[in-house]
Amino acid sequence: MTNEFNADDIFEMAVKIEQNGAVFYRDAAGHMEDKKNKEFLLELARMEDAHEMIFANMKKDLTEQEKLSTTFDPENENILYLKAFTDTKVFFKKEKPENSFKNILGCAIQTEKDSIAFYLGIKDLVPEKSGKSKIDAVIKEEMSHIRLLAGKLTELH
């Protein structure tokens, strides 16, 4: 039996991913000597904080239908399954890159891509009535980070 998820589950996970991302960027900023690079990473951390709030608010605004579980799940295994993903190396708890700004940006870009790939895949397990279309907003936010990170990486070349 395939488990189905709802937008409520996905937004809960998205909040956790943003929290992990903020920790990643703040930790990376702590290793930067260059003030400009350090401030860029701290700004990314603040953006993750803002995205966390956006996703938390979007979660609050879901309809009851979008929060309703369509899978028999008396032990809340669906959400445990999603949380396990957010706490794996795929989502920000990666091996620390070398402390060079370029390597940190490369790691961050790959992590954002991994997140998008996951959201695209999990979106297929969210029925329309459970808020499938809302997952696109999460993906759009993550794509904006890739554009920003890639632009900064291009500046370094």
N, C-alpha and C. Protein backbone atom coordinates (compact mmCIF):
# COMPACT_ATOMS: atom_id res chain seq x y z
N MET A 1 0.84 -1.18 0.00
CA MET A 1 0.00 0.00 0.00
C MET A 1 0.89 1.24 0.00
N THR A 2 0.60 2.16 -0.88
CA THR A 2 1.35 3.40 -0.97
C THR A 2 0.77 4.40 0.01
N ASN A 3 1.65 5.02 0.76
CA ASN A 3 1.19 6.08 1.65
C ASN A 3 0.97 7.34 0.85
N GLU A 4 -0.07 8.06 1.22
CA GLU A 4 -0.30 9.37 0.65
C GLU A 4 0.01 10.39 1.73
N PHE A 5 0.44 11.54 1.30
CA PHE A 5 0.75 12.62 2.21
C PHE A 5 -0.18 13.77 1.92
N ASN A 6 -0.19 14.74 2.79
CA ASN A 6 -0.98 15.93 2.53
C ASN A 6 -0.07 17.15 2.65
N ALA A 7 -0.60 18.29 2.24
CA ALA A 7 0.20 19.52 2.27
C ALA A 7 0.65 19.85 3.69
N ASP A 8 -0.15 19.52 4.67
CA ASP A 8 0.21 19.77 6.07
C ASP A 8 1.51 19.04 6.41
N ASP A 9 1.60 17.76 6.01
CA ASP A 9 2.82 16.98 6.25
C ASP A 9 4.03 17.61 5.57
N ILE A 10 3.83 18.03 4.32
CA ILE A 10 4.94 18.58 3.53
C ILE A 10 5.40 19.91 4.11
N PHE A 11 4.46 20.76 4.53
CA PHE A 11 4.86 22.04 5.11
C PHE A 11 5.59 21.84 6.44
N GLU A 12 5.19 20.84 7.20
CA GLU A 12 5.91 20.57 8.44
C GLU A 12 7.36 20.19 8.14
N MET A 13 7.55 19.38 7.11
CA MET A 13 8.89 18.99 6.71
C MET A 13 9.66 20.20 6.16
N ALA A 14 8.98 21.02 5.36
CA ALA A 14 9.63 22.19 4.77
C ALA A 14 10.15 23.13 5.86
N VAL A 15 9.38 23.30 6.92
CA VAL A 15 9.82 24.14 8.04
C VAL A 15 11.11 23.58 8.63
N LYS A 16 11.16 22.27 8.82
CA LYS A 16 12.35 21.62 9.39
C LYS A 16 13.56 21.79 8.45
N ILE A 17 13.35 21.64 7.17
CA ILE A 17 14.44 21.81 6.20
C ILE A 17 14.98 23.24 6.26
N GLU A 18 14.09 24.21 6.37
CA GLU A 18 14.53 25.61 6.46
C GLU A 18 15.31 25.84 7.75
N GLN A 19 14.87 25.24 8.84
CA GLN A 19 15.61 25.37 10.10
C GLN A 19 17.02 24.78 9.95
N ASN A 20 17.10 23.60 9.34
CA ASN A 20 18.40 22.97 9.12
C ASN A 20 19.28 23.82 8.20
N GLY A 21 18.65 24.44 7.20
CA GLY A 21 19.39 25.30 6.28
C GLY A 21 19.98 26.51 6.99
N ALA A 22 19.20 27.12 7.87
CA ALA A 22 19.68 28.28 8.62
C ALA A 22 20.89 27.90 9.47
N VAL A 23 20.82 26.74 10.10
CA VAL A 23 21.95 26.26 10.90
C VAL A 23 23.18 26.05 10.02
N PHE A 24 22.98 25.44 8.85
CA PHE A 24 24.08 25.20 7.90
C PHE A 24 24.77 26.51 7.53
N TYR A 25 23.98 27.52 7.13
CA TYR A 25 24.55 28.80 6.69
C TYR A 25 25.23 29.55 7.84
N ARG A 26 24.64 29.52 9.01
CA ARG A 26 25.27 30.19 10.16
C ARG A 26 26.58 29.51 10.55
N ASP A 27 26.58 28.18 10.50
CA ASP A 27 27.80 27.45 10.80
C ASP A 27 28.88 27.78 9.77
N ALA A 28 28.51 27.78 8.50
CA ALA A 28 29.47 28.11 7.44
C ALA A 28 29.99 29.54 7.60
N ALA A 29 29.10 30.47 7.94
CA ALA A 29 29.51 31.86 8.14
C ALA A 29 30.53 31.98 9.27
N GLY A 30 30.40 31.13 10.27
CA GLY A 30 31.33 31.15 11.39
C GLY A 30 32.75 30.79 11.00
N HIS A 31 32.90 30.15 9.84
CA HIS A 31 34.23 29.75 9.36
C HIS A 31 34.82 30.74 8.34
N MET A 32 34.06 31.77 8.03
CA MET A 32 34.51 32.73 7.01
C MET A 32 35.32 33.86 7.63
N GLU A 33 36.44 34.14 7.03
CA GLU A 33 37.24 35.30 7.47
C GLU A 33 36.86 36.53 6.67
N ASP A 34 36.53 36.34 5.41
CA ASP A 34 36.14 37.45 4.55
C ASP A 34 34.77 37.97 5.00
N LYS A 35 34.72 39.25 5.39
CA LYS A 35 33.50 39.85 5.92
C LYS A 35 32.33 39.79 4.92
N LYS A 36 32.63 40.05 3.65
CA LYS A 36 31.60 40.07 2.63
C LYS A 36 30.97 38.68 2.46
N ASN A 37 31.81 37.65 2.42
CA ASN A 37 31.31 36.28 2.28
C ASN A 37 30.53 35.86 3.53
N LYS A 38 31.05 36.25 4.67
CA LYS A 38 30.38 35.93 5.94
C LYS A 38 28.99 36.56 5.96
N GLU A 39 28.90 37.82 5.56
CA GLU A 39 27.60 38.51 5.57
C GLU A 39 26.64 37.88 4.55
N PHE A 40 27.16 37.45 3.40
CA PHE A 40 26.31 36.78 2.40
C PHE A 40 25.70 35.52 3.00
N LEU A 41 26.51 34.71 3.68
CA LEU A 41 26.02 33.47 4.29
C LEU A 41 25.02 33.76 5.42
N LEU A 42 25.28 34.81 6.18
CA LEU A 42 24.33 35.19 7.23
C LEU A 42 23.01 35.67 6.63
N GLU A 43 23.09 36.35 5.50
CA GLU A 43 21.87 36.78 4.81
C GLU A 43 21.09 35.56 4.32
N LEU A 44 21.80 34.54 3.82
CA LEU A 44 21.13 33.31 3.41
C LEU A 44 20.44 32.66 4.62
N ALA A 45 21.08 32.68 5.77
CA ALA A 45 20.48 32.12 6.99
C ALA A 45 19.19 32.88 7.33
N ARG A 46 19.24 34.21 7.20
CA ARG A 46 18.05 35.02 7.47
C ARG A 46 16.94 34.70 6.46
N MET A 47 17.33 34.44 5.21
CA MET A 47 16.34 34.05 4.19
C MET A 47 15.70 32.71 4.56
N GLU A 48 16.51 31.78 5.06
CA GLU A 48 15.96 30.49 5.51
C GLU A 48 14.99 30.72 6.65
N ASP A 49 15.33 31.62 7.58
CA ASP A 49 14.42 31.96 8.68
C ASP A 49 13.10 32.51 8.12
N ALA A 50 13.20 33.38 7.12
CA ALA A 50 12.00 33.97 6.52
C ALA A 50 11.18 32.88 5.81
N HIS A 51 11.85 31.99 5.10
CA HIS A 51 11.14 30.89 4.43
C HIS A 51 10.46 29.99 5.46
N GLU A 52 11.12 29.77 6.57
CA GLU A 52 10.51 28.96 7.64
C GLU A 52 9.18 29.59 8.06
N MET A 53 9.18 30.89 8.24
CA MET A 53 7.95 31.59 8.64
C MET A 53 6.90 31.54 7.53
N ILE A 54 7.33 31.69 6.29
CA ILE A 54 6.39 31.62 5.15
C ILE A 54 5.71 30.26 5.14
N PHE A 55 6.53 29.19 5.27
CA PHE A 55 5.97 27.84 5.21
C PHE A 55 5.10 27.56 6.43
N ALA A 56 5.49 28.05 7.59
CA ALA A 56 4.68 27.86 8.80
C ALA A 56 3.33 28.56 8.64
N ASN A 57 3.34 29.76 8.06
CA ASN A 57 2.09 30.49 7.83
C ASN A 57 1.23 29.81 6.77
N MET A 58 1.87 29.29 5.72
CA MET A 58 1.13 28.57 4.69
C MET A 58 0.49 27.31 5.30
N LYS A 59 1.21 26.68 6.21
CA LYS A 59 0.69 25.49 6.89
C LYS A 59 -0.55 25.86 7.71
N LYS A 60 -0.48 27.00 8.41
CA LYS A 60 -1.61 27.46 9.22
C LYS A 60 -2.83 27.77 8.35
N ASP A 61 -2.59 28.24 7.11
CA ASP A 61 -3.67 28.65 6.23
C ASP A 61 -4.31 27.51 5.44
N LEU A 62 -3.81 26.29 5.63
CA LEU A 62 -4.38 25.15 4.90
C LEU A 62 -5.82 24.90 5.35
N THR A 63 -6.61 24.40 4.43
CA THR A 63 -7.98 24.02 4.76
C THR A 63 -7.96 22.70 5.52
N GLU A 64 -9.06 22.38 6.16
CA GLU A 64 -9.15 21.10 6.86
C GLU A 64 -8.95 19.94 5.89
N GLN A 65 -9.45 20.08 4.69
CA GLN A 65 -9.30 19.03 3.66
C GLN A 65 -7.82 18.81 3.34
N GLU A 66 -7.04 19.91 3.28
CA GLU A 66 -5.62 19.81 2.95
C GLU A 66 -4.80 19.24 4.11
N LYS A 67 -5.37 19.22 5.30
CA LYS A 67 -4.70 18.67 6.46
C LYS A 67 -5.11 17.22 6.73
N LEU A 68 -6.19 16.81 6.10
CA LEU A 68 -6.76 15.50 6.36
C LEU A 68 -5.86 14.40 5.81
N SER A 69 -5.59 13.42 6.63
CA SER A 69 -4.80 12.27 6.20
C SER A 69 -5.72 11.30 5.48
N THR A 70 -5.29 10.81 4.33
CA THR A 70 -6.08 9.85 3.57
C THR A 70 -5.56 8.42 3.75
N THR A 71 -4.50 8.29 4.51
CA THR A 71 -3.91 6.99 4.78
C THR A 71 -4.17 6.60 6.23
N PHE A 72 -4.57 5.37 6.45
CA PHE A 72 -4.74 4.89 7.82
C PHE A 72 -3.36 4.87 8.46
N ASP A 73 -3.17 5.71 9.47
CA ASP A 73 -1.85 5.89 10.07
C ASP A 73 -1.99 6.16 11.57
N PRO A 74 -2.44 5.17 12.33
CA PRO A 74 -2.70 5.41 13.76
C PRO A 74 -1.45 5.73 14.57
N GLU A 75 -0.28 5.37 14.08
CA GLU A 75 0.97 5.61 14.82
C GLU A 75 1.74 6.81 14.28
N ASN A 76 1.12 7.58 13.38
CA ASN A 76 1.76 8.75 12.76
C ASN A 76 3.08 8.40 12.06
N GLU A 77 3.11 7.26 11.39
CA GLU A 77 4.32 6.84 10.70
C GLU A 77 4.64 7.71 9.50
N ASN A 78 3.60 8.27 8.85
CA ASN A 78 3.85 9.15 7.70
C ASN A 78 4.78 10.30 8.08
N ILE A 79 4.43 10.98 9.16
CA ILE A 79 5.22 12.14 9.54
C ILE A 79 6.59 11.71 10.04
N LEU A 80 6.68 10.56 10.70
CA LEU A 80 7.98 10.05 11.13
C LEU A 80 8.86 9.74 9.91
N TYR A 81 8.24 9.21 8.88
CA TYR A 81 8.94 8.92 7.62
C TYR A 81 9.50 10.21 7.02
N LEU A 82 8.69 11.24 6.97
CA LEU A 82 9.14 12.51 6.41
C LEU A 82 10.23 13.15 7.27
N LYS A 83 10.07 13.08 8.59
CA LYS A 83 11.09 13.64 9.48
C LYS A 83 12.42 12.91 9.33
N ALA A 84 12.37 11.62 9.09
CA ALA A 84 13.60 10.86 8.88
C ALA A 84 14.35 11.41 7.67
N PHE A 85 13.60 11.78 6.63
CA PHE A 85 14.25 12.36 5.46
C PHE A 85 14.90 13.70 5.77
N THR A 86 14.22 14.52 6.55
CA THR A 86 14.76 15.85 6.84
C THR A 86 16.00 15.77 7.72
N ASP A 87 16.17 14.67 8.42
CA ASP A 87 17.32 14.54 9.31
C ASP A 87 18.45 13.70 8.72
N THR A 88 18.34 13.35 7.45
CA THR A 88 19.42 12.59 6.81
C THR A 88 20.40 13.54 6.14
N LYS A 89 21.47 12.98 5.67
CA LYS A 89 22.49 13.78 5.01
C LYS A 89 21.98 14.43 3.73
N VAL A 90 20.90 13.92 3.17
CA VAL A 90 20.35 14.50 1.94
C VAL A 90 19.87 15.92 2.20
N PHE A 91 19.36 16.20 3.40
CA PHE A 91 18.80 17.50 3.69
C PHE A 91 19.60 18.26 4.75
N PHE A 92 20.66 18.90 4.30
CA PHE A 92 21.48 19.83 5.07
C PHE A 92 22.39 19.20 6.12
N LYS A 93 22.16 17.99 6.53
CA LYS A 93 23.07 17.40 7.49
C LYS A 93 24.12 16.61 6.72
N LYS A 94 24.71 17.28 5.78
CA LYS A 94 25.74 16.68 4.93
C LYS A 94 27.08 16.76 5.63
N GLU A 95 28.04 16.06 5.04
CA GLU A 95 29.41 16.23 5.52
C GLU A 95 29.75 17.70 5.29
N LYS A 96 30.45 18.28 6.20
CA LYS A 96 30.82 19.69 6.07
C LYS A 96 31.78 19.85 4.90
N PRO A 97 31.51 20.81 4.02
CA PRO A 97 32.45 21.05 2.92
C PRO A 97 33.71 21.72 3.46
N GLU A 98 34.73 21.72 2.63
CA GLU A 98 35.90 22.51 3.02
C GLU A 98 35.40 23.91 3.30
N ASN A 99 36.12 24.62 4.12
CA ASN A 99 35.64 25.94 4.54
C ASN A 99 35.84 27.04 3.50
N SER A 100 36.13 26.66 2.26
CA SER A 100 36.24 27.71 1.24
C SER A 100 34.83 28.14 0.85
N PHE A 101 34.70 29.40 0.56
CA PHE A 101 33.40 29.97 0.20
C PHE A 101 32.83 29.26 -1.02
N LYS A 102 33.67 28.99 -2.00
CA LYS A 102 33.24 28.32 -3.23
C LYS A 102 32.69 26.92 -2.92
N ASN A 103 33.36 26.16 -2.07
CA ASN A 103 32.88 24.82 -1.72
C ASN A 103 31.58 24.87 -0.93
N ILE A 104 31.45 25.85 -0.06
CA ILE A 104 30.21 25.99 0.72
C ILE A 104 29.05 26.31 -0.22
N LEU A 105 29.28 27.21 -1.18
CA LEU A 105 28.23 27.53 -2.15
C LEU A 105 27.85 26.31 -2.97
N GLY A 106 28.85 25.54 -3.40
CA GLY A 106 28.59 24.33 -4.18
C GLY A 106 27.76 23.33 -3.39
N CYS A 107 28.09 23.15 -2.14
CA CYS A 107 27.35 22.24 -1.26
C CYS A 107 25.92 22.75 -1.07
N ALA A 108 25.77 24.05 -0.88
CA ALA A 108 24.44 24.64 -0.68
C ALA A 108 23.58 24.47 -1.94
N ILE A 109 24.16 24.68 -3.11
CA ILE A 109 23.42 24.51 -4.36
C ILE A 109 22.95 23.06 -4.49
N GLN A 110 23.84 22.11 -4.22
CA GLN A 110 23.47 20.70 -4.33
C GLN A 110 22.36 20.36 -3.33
N THR A 111 22.43 20.91 -2.15
CA THR A 111 21.41 20.65 -1.15
C THR A 111 20.06 21.20 -1.58
N GLU A 112 20.06 22.41 -2.13
CA GLU A 112 18.81 22.99 -2.63
C GLU A 112 18.25 22.12 -3.75
N LYS A 113 19.11 21.64 -4.65
CA LYS A 113 18.66 20.76 -5.73
C LYS A 113 18.07 19.47 -5.17
N ASP A 114 18.73 18.90 -4.17
CA ASP A 114 18.22 17.68 -3.53
C ASP A 114 16.84 17.92 -2.92
N SER A 115 16.68 19.07 -2.30
CA SER A 115 15.39 19.40 -1.70
C SER A 115 14.31 19.50 -2.77
N ILE A 116 14.62 20.18 -3.86
CA ILE A 116 13.65 20.32 -4.95
C ILE A 116 13.29 18.96 -5.53
N ALA A 117 14.29 18.13 -5.76
CA ALA A 117 14.03 16.79 -6.29
C ALA A 117 13.12 16.01 -5.35
N PHE A 118 13.36 16.13 -4.06
CA PHE A 118 12.51 15.45 -3.09
C PHE A 118 11.09 15.97 -3.14
N TYR A 119 10.92 17.31 -3.16
CA TYR A 119 9.58 17.88 -3.21
C TYR A 119 8.84 17.47 -4.48
N LEU A 120 9.55 17.44 -5.60
CA LEU A 120 8.93 17.02 -6.85
C LEU A 120 8.45 15.57 -6.76
N GLY A 121 9.27 14.73 -6.15
CA GLY A 121 8.90 13.33 -6.00
C GLY A 121 7.76 13.13 -5.02
N ILE A 122 7.81 13.80 -3.90
CA ILE A 122 6.79 13.62 -2.87
C ILE A 122 5.47 14.23 -3.31
N LYS A 123 5.54 15.23 -4.17
CA LYS A 123 4.33 15.89 -4.66
C LYS A 123 3.40 14.88 -5.34
N ASP A 124 3.97 13.88 -5.98
CA ASP A 124 3.16 12.86 -6.63
C ASP A 124 2.40 12.00 -5.62
N LEU A 125 2.80 12.04 -4.36
CA LEU A 125 2.13 11.27 -3.32
C LEU A 125 1.12 12.11 -2.54
N VAL A 126 0.90 13.34 -3.01
CA VAL A 126 -0.07 14.23 -2.38
C VAL A 126 -1.26 14.40 -3.34
N PRO A 127 -2.42 13.90 -2.97
CA PRO A 127 -3.59 14.07 -3.84
C PRO A 127 -3.97 15.55 -3.99
N GLU A 128 -4.62 15.89 -5.10
CA GLU A 128 -5.06 17.27 -5.34
C GLU A 128 -5.87 17.80 -4.16
N LYS A 129 -6.79 17.00 -3.65
CA LYS A 129 -7.66 17.45 -2.57
C LYS A 129 -6.90 17.67 -1.26
N SER A 130 -5.67 17.17 -1.20
CA SER A 130 -4.86 17.31 0.02
C SER A 130 -3.81 18.41 -0.10
N GLY A 131 -3.96 19.27 -1.11
CA GLY A 131 -3.09 20.42 -1.22
C GLY A 131 -1.88 20.25 -2.12
N LYS A 132 -1.97 19.36 -3.09
CA LYS A 132 -0.85 19.10 -4.00
C LYS A 132 -0.32 20.39 -4.64
N SER A 133 -1.21 21.26 -5.07
CA SER A 133 -0.79 22.49 -5.75
C SER A 133 0.02 23.41 -4.84
N LYS A 134 -0.16 23.30 -3.54
CA LYS A 134 0.57 24.15 -2.60
C LYS A 134 2.06 23.79 -2.53
N ILE A 135 2.40 22.57 -2.92
CA ILE A 135 3.79 22.13 -2.88
C ILE A 135 4.62 22.94 -3.88
N ASP A 136 3.98 23.41 -4.94
CA ASP A 136 4.69 24.23 -5.93
C ASP A 136 5.26 25.51 -5.31
N ALA A 137 4.58 26.06 -4.32
CA ALA A 137 5.07 27.26 -3.65
C ALA A 137 6.38 26.97 -2.92
N VAL A 138 6.48 25.80 -2.33
CA VAL A 138 7.72 25.40 -1.64
C VAL A 138 8.84 25.27 -2.67
N ILE A 139 8.55 24.60 -3.76
CA ILE A 139 9.55 24.40 -4.82
C ILE A 139 10.02 25.74 -5.37
N LYS A 140 9.10 26.66 -5.58
CA LYS A 140 9.44 27.99 -6.11
C LYS A 140 10.40 28.72 -5.17
N GLU A 141 10.14 28.64 -3.87
CA GLU A 141 11.03 29.28 -2.89
C GLU A 141 12.43 28.68 -2.94
N GLU A 142 12.51 27.36 -3.04
CA GLU A 142 13.82 26.70 -3.09
C GLU A 142 14.57 27.06 -4.39
N MET A 143 13.84 27.18 -5.48
CA MET A 143 14.47 27.55 -6.75
C MET A 143 15.06 28.95 -6.69
N SER A 144 14.43 29.83 -5.95
CA SER A 144 14.97 31.20 -5.83
C SER A 144 16.33 31.16 -5.14
N HIS A 145 16.52 30.24 -4.20
CA HIS A 145 17.82 30.11 -3.55
C HIS A 145 18.88 29.62 -4.52
N ILE A 146 18.52 28.68 -5.38
CA ILE A 146 19.50 28.18 -6.35
C ILE A 146 19.96 29.31 -7.26
N ARG A 147 19.04 30.13 -7.72
CA ARG A 147 19.41 31.25 -8.59
C ARG A 147 20.37 32.19 -7.87
N LEU A 148 20.08 32.50 -6.63
CA LEU A 148 20.93 33.40 -5.85
C LEU A 148 22.31 32.79 -5.63
N LEU A 149 22.36 31.53 -5.22
CA LEU A 149 23.63 30.85 -4.97
C LEU A 149 24.45 30.70 -6.25
N ALA A 150 23.79 30.32 -7.34
CA ALA A 150 24.49 30.15 -8.61
C ALA A 150 25.05 31.48 -9.10
N GLY A 151 24.29 32.55 -8.91
CA GLY A 151 24.77 33.88 -9.29
C GLY A 151 26.02 34.26 -8.52
N LYS A 152 26.02 33.98 -7.22
CA LYS A 152 27.19 34.29 -6.39
C LYS A 152 28.38 33.43 -6.81
N LEU A 153 28.14 32.16 -7.11
CA LEU A 153 29.22 31.28 -7.54
C LEU A 153 29.80 31.73 -8.87
N THR A 154 28.95 32.21 -9.76
CA THR A 154 29.41 32.73 -11.06
C THR A 154 30.31 33.94 -10.86
N GLU A 155 30.00 34.78 -9.89
CA GLU A 155 30.82 35.96 -9.61
C GLU A 155 32.25 35.57 -9.21
N LEU A 156 32.40 34.39 -8.62
CA LEU A 156 33.71 33.95 -8.15
C LEU A 156 34.62 33.47 -9.28
N HIS A 157 34.04 33.16 -10.42
CA HIS A 157 34.84 32.64 -11.53
C HIS A 157 35.43 33.73 -12.37
